[in-house]
Amino acid sequence: AAVGAPQKPVSLKIVPGEIALKGAGAAQQLLAVVAGADGIDRDVTSQVEWRLSQSGVANLTPQARLEAVSDGKAVLTASLVGVKPAQVTVHV
């Protein structure tokens, strides 16, 4: 493979791995990181598809910032072609 060529993704994770937003207006910036077959982690935050199971609990901005709306729990999923989706639980 050429130097700098993308490697096949091995795994995807969301950073932070646990999310707890305390109170209205609380927010958390999210990152999606993929581990390549070359062992190098790459930031793919802008490339993943983000989904939140309960939209009334938090809002997700296009810049991958999660903002608290009301008390509850939701599952945040990041999906990227070619690798298993990553999930974290969000507590508000």
N, C-alpha and C. Protein backbone atom coordinates (compact mmCIF):
# COMPACT_ATOMS: atom_id res chain seq x y z
N ALA A 1 0.85 -1.19 0.00
CA ALA A 1 0.00 0.00 0.00
C ALA A 1 0.88 1.23 0.00
N ALA A 2 0.42 2.23 -0.67
CA ALA A 2 1.17 3.49 -0.73
C ALA A 2 1.12 4.19 0.62
N VAL A 3 2.16 4.93 0.93
CA VAL A 3 2.21 5.68 2.18
C VAL A 3 1.05 6.68 2.18
N GLY A 4 0.31 6.69 3.30
CA GLY A 4 -0.81 7.61 3.42
C GLY A 4 -2.11 7.07 2.83
N ALA A 5 -2.04 5.90 2.17
CA ALA A 5 -3.27 5.33 1.62
C ALA A 5 -4.16 4.85 2.76
N PRO A 6 -5.47 5.03 2.64
CA PRO A 6 -6.36 4.59 3.71
C PRO A 6 -6.27 3.08 3.90
N GLN A 7 -6.29 2.65 5.13
CA GLN A 7 -6.26 1.23 5.45
C GLN A 7 -7.69 0.77 5.74
N LYS A 8 -7.93 -0.51 5.54
CA LYS A 8 -9.25 -1.06 5.85
C LYS A 8 -9.56 -0.83 7.32
N PRO A 9 -10.74 -0.26 7.61
CA PRO A 9 -11.09 -0.03 9.01
C PRO A 9 -11.32 -1.34 9.74
N VAL A 10 -10.85 -1.41 10.98
CA VAL A 10 -10.98 -2.62 11.79
C VAL A 10 -12.08 -2.43 12.83
N SER A 11 -12.10 -1.27 13.48
CA SER A 11 -13.11 -1.02 14.50
C SER A 11 -13.41 0.47 14.58
N LEU A 12 -14.59 0.77 15.09
CA LEU A 12 -15.05 2.14 15.23
C LEU A 12 -15.43 2.36 16.68
N LYS A 13 -15.06 3.50 17.23
CA LYS A 13 -15.48 3.81 18.60
C LYS A 13 -15.88 5.27 18.70
N ILE A 14 -16.72 5.53 19.70
CA ILE A 14 -17.16 6.88 20.01
C ILE A 14 -16.41 7.35 21.24
N VAL A 15 -15.90 8.57 21.18
CA VAL A 15 -15.19 9.17 22.32
C VAL A 15 -15.99 10.39 22.76
N PRO A 16 -16.37 10.51 24.04
CA PRO A 16 -16.07 9.59 25.14
C PRO A 16 -16.94 8.33 25.08
N GLY A 17 -16.49 7.29 25.75
CA GLY A 17 -17.19 6.01 25.76
C GLY A 17 -18.40 5.98 26.66
N GLU A 18 -18.53 6.95 27.55
CA GLU A 18 -19.71 7.10 28.41
C GLU A 18 -20.08 8.57 28.39
N ILE A 19 -21.39 8.85 28.28
CA ILE A 19 -21.83 10.24 28.20
C ILE A 19 -22.90 10.50 29.25
N ALA A 20 -22.64 11.46 30.13
CA ALA A 20 -23.62 11.90 31.12
C ALA A 20 -23.70 13.42 31.04
N LEU A 21 -24.86 13.92 30.67
CA LEU A 21 -25.08 15.36 30.58
C LEU A 21 -25.91 15.78 31.78
N LYS A 22 -25.39 16.70 32.58
CA LYS A 22 -26.06 17.11 33.81
C LYS A 22 -26.79 18.44 33.62
N GLY A 23 -28.10 18.36 33.48
CA GLY A 23 -28.90 19.58 33.42
C GLY A 23 -29.07 20.15 32.03
N ALA A 24 -30.13 20.97 31.89
CA ALA A 24 -30.42 21.62 30.61
C ALA A 24 -29.25 22.49 30.19
N GLY A 25 -28.91 22.44 28.93
CA GLY A 25 -27.81 23.25 28.42
C GLY A 25 -26.46 22.56 28.47
N ALA A 26 -26.37 21.44 29.19
CA ALA A 26 -25.11 20.70 29.23
C ALA A 26 -24.82 20.15 27.83
N ALA A 27 -23.55 20.08 27.48
CA ALA A 27 -23.18 19.62 26.13
C ALA A 27 -21.90 18.80 26.17
N GLN A 28 -21.71 17.99 25.14
CA GLN A 28 -20.51 17.17 25.00
C GLN A 28 -20.13 17.09 23.54
N GLN A 29 -18.89 17.43 23.23
CA GLN A 29 -18.37 17.26 21.88
C GLN A 29 -18.04 15.79 21.68
N LEU A 30 -18.41 15.24 20.54
CA LEU A 30 -18.18 13.82 20.25
C LEU A 30 -17.11 13.64 19.19
N LEU A 31 -16.43 12.53 19.27
CA LEU A 31 -15.48 12.12 18.24
C LEU A 31 -15.80 10.70 17.83
N ALA A 32 -15.63 10.41 16.56
CA ALA A 32 -15.71 9.04 16.07
C ALA A 32 -14.30 8.69 15.59
N VAL A 33 -13.77 7.60 16.11
CA VAL A 33 -12.40 7.20 15.80
C VAL A 33 -12.42 5.79 15.23
N VAL A 34 -11.77 5.63 14.10
CA VAL A 34 -11.67 4.30 13.49
C VAL A 34 -10.22 3.83 13.60
N ALA A 35 -10.08 2.55 13.98
CA ALA A 35 -8.76 1.92 14.02
C ALA A 35 -8.56 1.22 12.68
N GLY A 36 -7.47 1.54 12.00
CA GLY A 36 -7.17 0.94 10.71
C GLY A 36 -6.39 -0.35 10.87
N ALA A 37 -6.33 -1.13 9.81
CA ALA A 37 -5.57 -2.38 9.81
C ALA A 37 -4.09 -2.13 10.07
N ASP A 38 -3.64 -0.87 9.86
CA ASP A 38 -2.24 -0.51 10.09
C ASP A 38 -1.98 -0.13 11.55
N GLY A 39 -3.03 -0.21 12.40
CA GLY A 39 -2.87 0.10 13.81
C GLY A 39 -2.95 1.58 14.14
N ILE A 40 -3.26 2.40 13.14
CA ILE A 40 -3.34 3.85 13.36
C ILE A 40 -4.80 4.25 13.53
N ASP A 41 -5.08 5.03 14.58
CA ASP A 41 -6.43 5.57 14.80
C ASP A 41 -6.60 6.83 13.98
N ARG A 42 -7.79 6.97 13.37
CA ARG A 42 -8.08 8.16 12.57
C ARG A 42 -9.41 8.76 12.99
N ASP A 43 -9.48 10.07 13.02
CA ASP A 43 -10.70 10.80 13.35
C ASP A 43 -11.61 10.78 12.12
N VAL A 44 -12.78 10.16 12.27
CA VAL A 44 -13.74 10.09 11.16
C VAL A 44 -15.08 10.74 11.56
N THR A 45 -15.01 11.65 12.53
CA THR A 45 -16.21 12.29 13.06
C THR A 45 -17.10 12.86 11.97
N SER A 46 -16.51 13.51 10.98
CA SER A 46 -17.30 14.15 9.92
C SER A 46 -17.80 13.15 8.87
N GLN A 47 -17.32 11.91 8.94
CA GLN A 47 -17.69 10.92 7.92
C GLN A 47 -18.75 9.92 8.37
N VAL A 48 -18.95 9.81 9.69
CA VAL A 48 -19.92 8.83 10.18
C VAL A 48 -21.34 9.37 10.11
N GLU A 49 -22.29 8.45 10.14
CA GLU A 49 -23.70 8.81 10.26
C GLU A 49 -24.06 8.65 11.73
N TRP A 50 -24.50 9.73 12.35
CA TRP A 50 -24.87 9.71 13.77
C TRP A 50 -26.38 9.50 13.89
N ARG A 51 -26.79 8.67 14.87
CA ARG A 51 -28.21 8.48 15.17
C ARG A 51 -28.40 8.44 16.68
N LEU A 52 -29.48 9.08 17.13
CA LEU A 52 -29.83 9.11 18.55
C LEU A 52 -31.19 8.44 18.69
N SER A 53 -31.30 7.44 19.59
CA SER A 53 -32.52 6.65 19.69
C SER A 53 -33.71 7.45 20.22
N GLN A 54 -33.46 8.44 21.06
CA GLN A 54 -34.53 9.25 21.65
C GLN A 54 -34.22 10.73 21.42
N SER A 55 -34.87 11.33 20.43
CA SER A 55 -34.55 12.72 20.09
C SER A 55 -34.98 13.71 21.17
N GLY A 56 -35.93 13.34 22.03
CA GLY A 56 -36.39 14.25 23.07
C GLY A 56 -35.43 14.40 24.23
N VAL A 57 -34.44 13.52 24.31
CA VAL A 57 -33.47 13.54 25.42
C VAL A 57 -32.33 14.52 25.14
N ALA A 58 -31.86 14.54 23.91
CA ALA A 58 -30.73 15.40 23.54
C ALA A 58 -30.82 15.74 22.06
N ASN A 59 -30.17 16.83 21.70
CA ASN A 59 -30.04 17.22 20.29
C ASN A 59 -28.61 16.96 19.84
N LEU A 60 -28.46 16.53 18.61
CA LEU A 60 -27.15 16.28 18.03
C LEU A 60 -26.95 17.27 16.89
N THR A 61 -25.96 18.14 17.02
CA THR A 61 -25.70 19.14 15.99
C THR A 61 -24.93 18.52 14.83
N PRO A 62 -24.93 19.17 13.66
CA PRO A 62 -24.15 18.67 12.53
C PRO A 62 -22.64 18.60 12.82
N GLN A 63 -22.19 19.34 13.84
CA GLN A 63 -20.77 19.33 14.21
C GLN A 63 -20.46 18.26 15.26
N ALA A 64 -21.39 17.30 15.46
CA ALA A 64 -21.22 16.20 16.41
C ALA A 64 -21.12 16.68 17.86
N ARG A 65 -21.94 17.67 18.19
CA ARG A 65 -22.03 18.16 19.56
C ARG A 65 -23.39 17.72 20.10
N LEU A 66 -23.37 17.05 21.25
CA LEU A 66 -24.59 16.56 21.88
C LEU A 66 -25.01 17.54 22.96
N GLU A 67 -26.28 17.99 22.91
CA GLU A 67 -26.77 18.99 23.85
C GLU A 67 -27.99 18.45 24.58
N ALA A 68 -27.99 18.55 25.92
CA ALA A 68 -29.07 18.04 26.75
C ALA A 68 -30.38 18.79 26.47
N VAL A 69 -31.49 18.03 26.47
CA VAL A 69 -32.81 18.63 26.31
C VAL A 69 -33.67 18.33 27.54
N SER A 70 -33.81 17.04 27.89
CA SER A 70 -34.60 16.67 29.06
C SER A 70 -34.06 15.37 29.66
N ASP A 71 -34.43 15.12 30.91
CA ASP A 71 -33.95 13.92 31.60
C ASP A 71 -34.37 12.66 30.85
N GLY A 72 -33.47 11.71 30.83
CA GLY A 72 -33.77 10.44 30.18
C GLY A 72 -32.51 9.73 29.75
N LYS A 73 -32.71 8.71 28.94
CA LYS A 73 -31.60 7.90 28.46
C LYS A 73 -31.82 7.62 26.98
N ALA A 74 -30.74 7.59 26.21
CA ALA A 74 -30.80 7.30 24.79
C ALA A 74 -29.54 6.57 24.38
N VAL A 75 -29.60 5.93 23.23
CA VAL A 75 -28.43 5.25 22.67
C VAL A 75 -27.97 6.04 21.45
N LEU A 76 -26.70 6.40 21.46
CA LEU A 76 -26.09 7.12 20.34
C LEU A 76 -25.31 6.11 19.50
N THR A 77 -25.57 6.11 18.20
CA THR A 77 -24.91 5.19 17.28
C THR A 77 -24.15 5.96 16.22
N ALA A 78 -22.94 5.53 15.94
CA ALA A 78 -22.14 6.06 14.84
C ALA A 78 -21.94 4.94 13.84
N SER A 79 -22.25 5.20 12.57
CA SER A 79 -22.13 4.17 11.53
C SER A 79 -21.19 4.64 10.43
N LEU A 80 -20.37 3.72 9.95
CA LEU A 80 -19.43 3.98 8.88
C LEU A 80 -19.37 2.74 8.00
N VAL A 81 -19.42 2.92 6.69
CA VAL A 81 -19.39 1.79 5.77
C VAL A 81 -18.13 0.95 5.98
N GLY A 82 -18.32 -0.36 6.05
CA GLY A 82 -17.18 -1.28 6.13
C GLY A 82 -16.74 -1.65 7.52
N VAL A 83 -17.45 -1.15 8.54
CA VAL A 83 -17.06 -1.46 9.92
C VAL A 83 -18.32 -1.52 10.78
N LYS A 84 -18.27 -2.33 11.84
CA LYS A 84 -19.41 -2.47 12.74
C LYS A 84 -19.72 -1.14 13.43
N PRO A 85 -21.00 -0.73 13.49
CA PRO A 85 -21.34 0.53 14.16
C PRO A 85 -20.91 0.55 15.62
N ALA A 86 -20.67 1.75 16.14
CA ALA A 86 -20.31 1.93 17.54
C ALA A 86 -21.51 2.54 18.26
N GLN A 87 -21.68 2.17 19.55
CA GLN A 87 -22.79 2.72 20.33
C GLN A 87 -22.32 3.10 21.72
N VAL A 88 -22.94 4.15 22.26
CA VAL A 88 -22.76 4.53 23.66
C VAL A 88 -24.12 4.94 24.21
N THR A 89 -24.28 4.77 25.51
CA THR A 89 -25.50 5.20 26.17
C THR A 89 -25.32 6.64 26.65
N VAL A 90 -26.36 7.43 26.45
CA VAL A 90 -26.35 8.83 26.87
C VAL A 90 -27.33 8.98 28.02
N HIS A 91 -26.85 9.50 29.16
CA HIS A 91 -27.71 9.76 30.31
C HIS A 91 -27.82 11.26 30.48
N VAL A 92 -29.07 11.74 30.59
CA VAL A 92 -29.30 13.18 30.79
C VAL A 92 -30.09 13.35 32.07
